């Protein structure tokens, strides 16, 4: 018998089949194991399969017996804006009444409204707000989340947001994305001028972020600006 940190036994395990991401109809293919056992050591699954094969093979320092429960992999959320403060819930009503997002933005709402709140917030405010959102995501099964910057909207403000993200400690794995080009801030006359300024901080952003994103939208950032940044 092999000693491990954790042994889990449940009624059923459901997981996608195969080693690669699935698309289209292939996403309907699921691997289902009844009465599964999972052995975990140092946070890594070292073995899994039906109890008839594994039950006597591992002894866990911690054991979880979950009768009537189904085990599934943690969800990966590839697009989030979890790093912000404030609320724009009232803008939902504006959209329901027929206003386009660009109309909301022109009226001082949207991204620019959150920009003002983030610029006034302390790092501790941002960290606490983000941790609360990550807590809710984890409670619903998300274990990895991409998190974008994009609400400081200044060359000198976007990189510190990446530093905030890199400093967050949470069970959800956070993958930072640099979204300096989320909207054109009021201090700049054009998208092109703002992109000129952002290019100067890209080397530092590349050290802190796994990827770079741009909001491609009419009257925001077009193909020319995107090509220069990416």
Foldseek 3Di string as FASTA:
>chain_A
DAEAAEKEWEQKEKEQDDDDDDDDPSRVHIDMAGGKMWGDHPRDTPDMHHCVPPVPPYDHPYYHYYYPDYHYAFDEAEDDAQQFDDDDVVVVVVVVVPDDVVNQVVVCDDLNVRLVRRCPDDLVVRLVSSQVVVVVSVVVRHQEYEHEFARVLALVPQLVSLVSQVPHDDSRHYAYEYESQAFHHPVDPALVVSLVRNVVCVVSVVVRHPYYDHDDDPRGDHPVSVVSND
